[in-house]
């Protein structure tokens, strides 16, 4: 018998760890709120730290807006909920894991 995966307990040939990780992926939440002087900002949370900066930079470029990424959230200047969801799907995130 072959090696056994320490995570899922199945033989390495039929290991299901990757599929389980994709199914249990974090939910991405997109919402808007008013900040100082009645300005709207779009907030995206639920992304992993490693891809946060790269994703924020790409979203700011595609949406032609300013923003920042820190402490696990992306803040975009303006109302971009629907457009941000479409762009995240194009970037490869699962559509059903994104809540607007």
C-alpha atoms as a PDB file:
ATOM      1  CA  UNK A   1       0.000   0.000   0.000  1.00  0.00           C
ATOM      2  CA  UNK A   2       1.201   3.560  -0.804  1.00  0.00           C
ATOM      3  CA  UNK A   3       1.765   6.488   1.463  1.00  0.00           C
ATOM      4  CA  UNK A   4      -1.130   7.957   3.431  1.00  0.00           C
ATOM      5  CA  UNK A   5      -1.834  11.692   3.506  1.00  0.00           C
ATOM      6  CA  UNK A   6      -1.491  13.087   7.059  1.00  0.00           C
ATOM      7  CA  UNK A   7      -4.259  15.675   6.505  1.00  0.00           C
ATOM      8  CA  UNK A   8      -7.159  13.656   5.065  1.00  0.00           C
ATOM      9  CA  UNK A   9      -6.056  10.095   5.857  1.00  0.00           C
ATOM     10  CA  UNK A  10      -6.518   8.852   2.291  1.00  0.00           C
ATOM     11  CA  UNK A  11      -3.837   7.267   0.097  1.00  0.00           C
ATOM     12  CA  UNK A  12      -1.707   9.879  -1.721  1.00  0.00           C
ATOM     13  CA  UNK A  13      -3.090   8.791  -5.117  1.00  0.00           C
ATOM     14  CA  UNK A  14      -6.644   9.857  -4.196  1.00  0.00           C
ATOM     15  CA  UNK A  15      -5.837  12.608  -1.677  1.00  0.00           C
ATOM     16  CA  UNK A  16      -8.743  15.048  -1.274  1.00  0.00           C
ATOM     17  CA  UNK A  17      -6.952  17.841   0.590  1.00  0.00           C
ATOM     18  CA  UNK A  18      -6.961  20.319  -2.306  1.00  0.00           C
ATOM     19  CA  UNK A  19     -10.669  19.810  -3.004  1.00  0.00           C
ATOM     20  CA  UNK A  20     -11.496  20.254   0.675  1.00  0.00           C
ATOM     21  CA  UNK A  21      -9.486  23.476   0.860  1.00  0.00           C
ATOM     22  CA  UNK A  22     -11.311  24.915  -2.169  1.00  0.00           C
ATOM     23  CA  UNK A  23     -14.725  24.020  -0.746  1.00  0.00           C
ATOM     24  CA  UNK A  24     -13.907  25.531   2.619  1.00  0.00           C
ATOM     25  CA  UNK A  25     -12.542  28.693   1.054  1.00  0.00           C
ATOM     26  CA  UNK A  26     -13.158  31.906   2.894  1.00  0.00           C
ATOM     27  CA  UNK A  27     -16.103  34.053   1.949  1.00  0.00           C
ATOM     28  CA  UNK A  28     -15.307  37.381   0.339  1.00  0.00           C
ATOM     29  CA  UNK A  29     -17.557  40.202   1.500  1.00  0.00           C
ATOM     30  CA  UNK A  30     -18.028  43.405  -0.524  1.00  0.00           C
ATOM     31  CA  UNK A  31     -19.964  46.347   0.924  1.00  0.00           C
ATOM     32  CA  UNK A  32     -20.111  50.148   0.822  1.00  0.00           C
ATOM     33  CA  UNK A  33     -20.178  52.680   3.606  1.00  0.00           C
ATOM     34  CA  UNK A  34     -20.060  56.438   4.022  1.00  0.00           C
ATOM     35  CA  UNK A  35     -16.933  58.012   5.391  1.00  0.00           C
ATOM     36  CA  UNK A  36     -16.006  61.616   6.153  1.00  0.00           C
ATOM     37  CA  UNK A  37     -17.944  64.331   4.343  1.00  0.00           C
ATOM     38  CA  UNK A  38     -20.468  61.810   2.921  1.00  0.00           C
ATOM     39  CA  UNK A  39     -17.949  60.120   0.627  1.00  0.00           C
ATOM     40  CA  UNK A  40     -18.687  56.498  -0.322  1.00  0.00           C
ATOM     41  CA  UNK A  41     -16.032  53.795  -0.109  1.00  0.00           C
ATOM     42  CA  UNK A  42     -16.220  50.152  -1.146  1.00  0.00           C
ATOM     43  CA  UNK A  43     -14.731  47.651   1.301  1.00  0.00           C
ATOM     44  CA  UNK A  44     -13.599  44.146   0.345  1.00  0.00           C
ATOM     45  CA  UNK A  45     -12.690  41.731   3.130  1.00  0.00           C
ATOM     46  CA  UNK A  46     -11.949  38.033   3.321  1.00  0.00           C
ATOM     47  CA  UNK A  47      -8.914  37.865   1.048  1.00  0.00           C
ATOM     48  CA  UNK A  48      -5.690  36.233   2.191  1.00  0.00           C
ATOM     49  CA  UNK A  49      -2.786  38.481   3.226  1.00  0.00           C
ATOM     50  CA  UNK A  50      -0.477  37.128   0.515  1.00  0.00           C
ATOM     51  CA  UNK A  51      -2.736  38.181  -2.349  1.00  0.00           C
ATOM     52  CA  UNK A  52      -4.152  41.326  -0.749  1.00  0.00           C
ATOM     53  CA  UNK A  53      -1.686  43.879  -2.149  1.00  0.00           C
ATOM     54  CA  UNK A  54      -1.630  42.393  -5.648  1.00  0.00           C
ATOM     55  CA  UNK A  55      -5.437  42.193  -5.823  1.00  0.00           C
ATOM     56  CA  UNK A  56      -5.858  45.747  -4.492  1.00  0.00           C
ATOM     57  CA  UNK A  57      -3.426  47.123  -7.048  1.00  0.00           C
ATOM     58  CA  UNK A  58      -5.213  45.346  -9.897  1.00  0.00           C
ATOM     59  CA  UNK A  59      -8.674  46.488  -8.720  1.00  0.00           C
ATOM     60  CA  UNK A  60      -7.534  50.109  -8.385  1.00  0.00           C
ATOM     61  CA  UNK A  61      -6.065  49.989 -11.889  1.00  0.00           C
ATOM     62  CA  UNK A  62      -9.156  48.401 -13.470  1.00  0.00           C
ATOM     63  CA  UNK A  63     -11.636  50.669 -11.651  1.00  0.00           C
ATOM     64  CA  UNK A  64      -9.544  53.843 -12.078  1.00  0.00           C
ATOM     65  CA  UNK A  65      -9.878  54.776  -8.422  1.00  0.00           C
ATOM     66  CA  UNK A  66      -7.724  55.249  -5.357  1.00  0.00           C
ATOM     67  CA  UNK A  67      -7.653  53.053  -2.328  1.00  0.00           C
ATOM     68  CA  UNK A  68      -5.553  51.102   0.124  1.00  0.00           C
ATOM     69  CA  UNK A  69      -5.045  47.614   1.501  1.00  0.00           C
ATOM     70  CA  UNK A  70      -4.200  46.879   5.115  1.00  0.00           C
ATOM     71  CA  UNK A  71      -5.239  44.663   8.014  1.00  0.00           C
ATOM     72  CA  UNK A  72      -6.931  42.150   5.716  1.00  0.00           C
ATOM     73  CA  UNK A  73      -9.245  44.575   3.914  1.00  0.00           C
ATOM     74  CA  UNK A  74      -9.184  46.548   0.680  1.00  0.00           C
ATOM     75  CA  UNK A  75     -10.725  50.040   0.710  1.00  0.00           C
ATOM     76  CA  UNK A  76     -11.602  51.524  -2.689  1.00  0.00           C
ATOM     77  CA  UNK A  77     -12.708  55.119  -3.132  1.00  0.00           C
ATOM     78  CA  UNK A  78     -16.216  55.294  -4.599  1.00  0.00           C
ATOM     79  CA  UNK A  79     -19.150  52.947  -5.139  1.00  0.00           C
ATOM     80  CA  UNK A  80     -17.791  49.859  -6.930  1.00  0.00           C
ATOM     81  CA  UNK A  81     -19.606  46.840  -5.439  1.00  0.00           C
ATOM     82  CA  UNK A  82     -20.925  45.288  -8.660  1.00  0.00           C
ATOM     83  CA  UNK A  83     -17.880  46.087 -10.775  1.00  0.00           C
ATOM     84  CA  UNK A  84     -15.533  44.777  -8.071  1.00  0.00           C
ATOM     85  CA  UNK A  85     -17.408  41.473  -7.949  1.00  0.00           C
ATOM     86  CA  UNK A  86     -17.171  41.070 -11.734  1.00  0.00           C
ATOM     87  CA  UNK A  87     -13.442  41.818 -11.664  1.00  0.00           C
ATOM     88  CA  UNK A  88     -12.796  39.392  -8.795  1.00  0.00           C
ATOM     89  CA  UNK A  89     -14.557  36.655 -10.776  1.00  0.00           C
ATOM     90  CA  UNK A  90     -12.368  37.476 -13.801  1.00  0.00           C
ATOM     91  CA  UNK A  91      -9.305  37.212 -11.520  1.00  0.00           C
ATOM     92  CA  UNK A  92     -10.266  33.651 -10.671  1.00  0.00           C
ATOM     93  CA  UNK A  93     -12.247  33.881  -7.435  1.00  0.00           C
ATOM     94  CA  UNK A  94     -15.378  31.746  -7.208  1.00  0.00           C
ATOM     95  CA  UNK A  95     -18.548  33.736  -7.880  1.00  0.00           C
ATOM     96  CA  UNK A  96     -20.561  31.870  -5.249  1.00  0.00           C
ATOM     97  CA  UNK A  97     -17.977  32.717  -2.541  1.00  0.00           C
ATOM     98  CA  UNK A  98     -18.420  36.484  -3.059  1.00  0.00           C
ATOM     99  CA  UNK A  99     -21.179  38.238  -1.106  1.00  0.00           C
ATOM    100  CA  UNK A 100     -22.260  41.745  -2.151  1.00  0.00           C
END
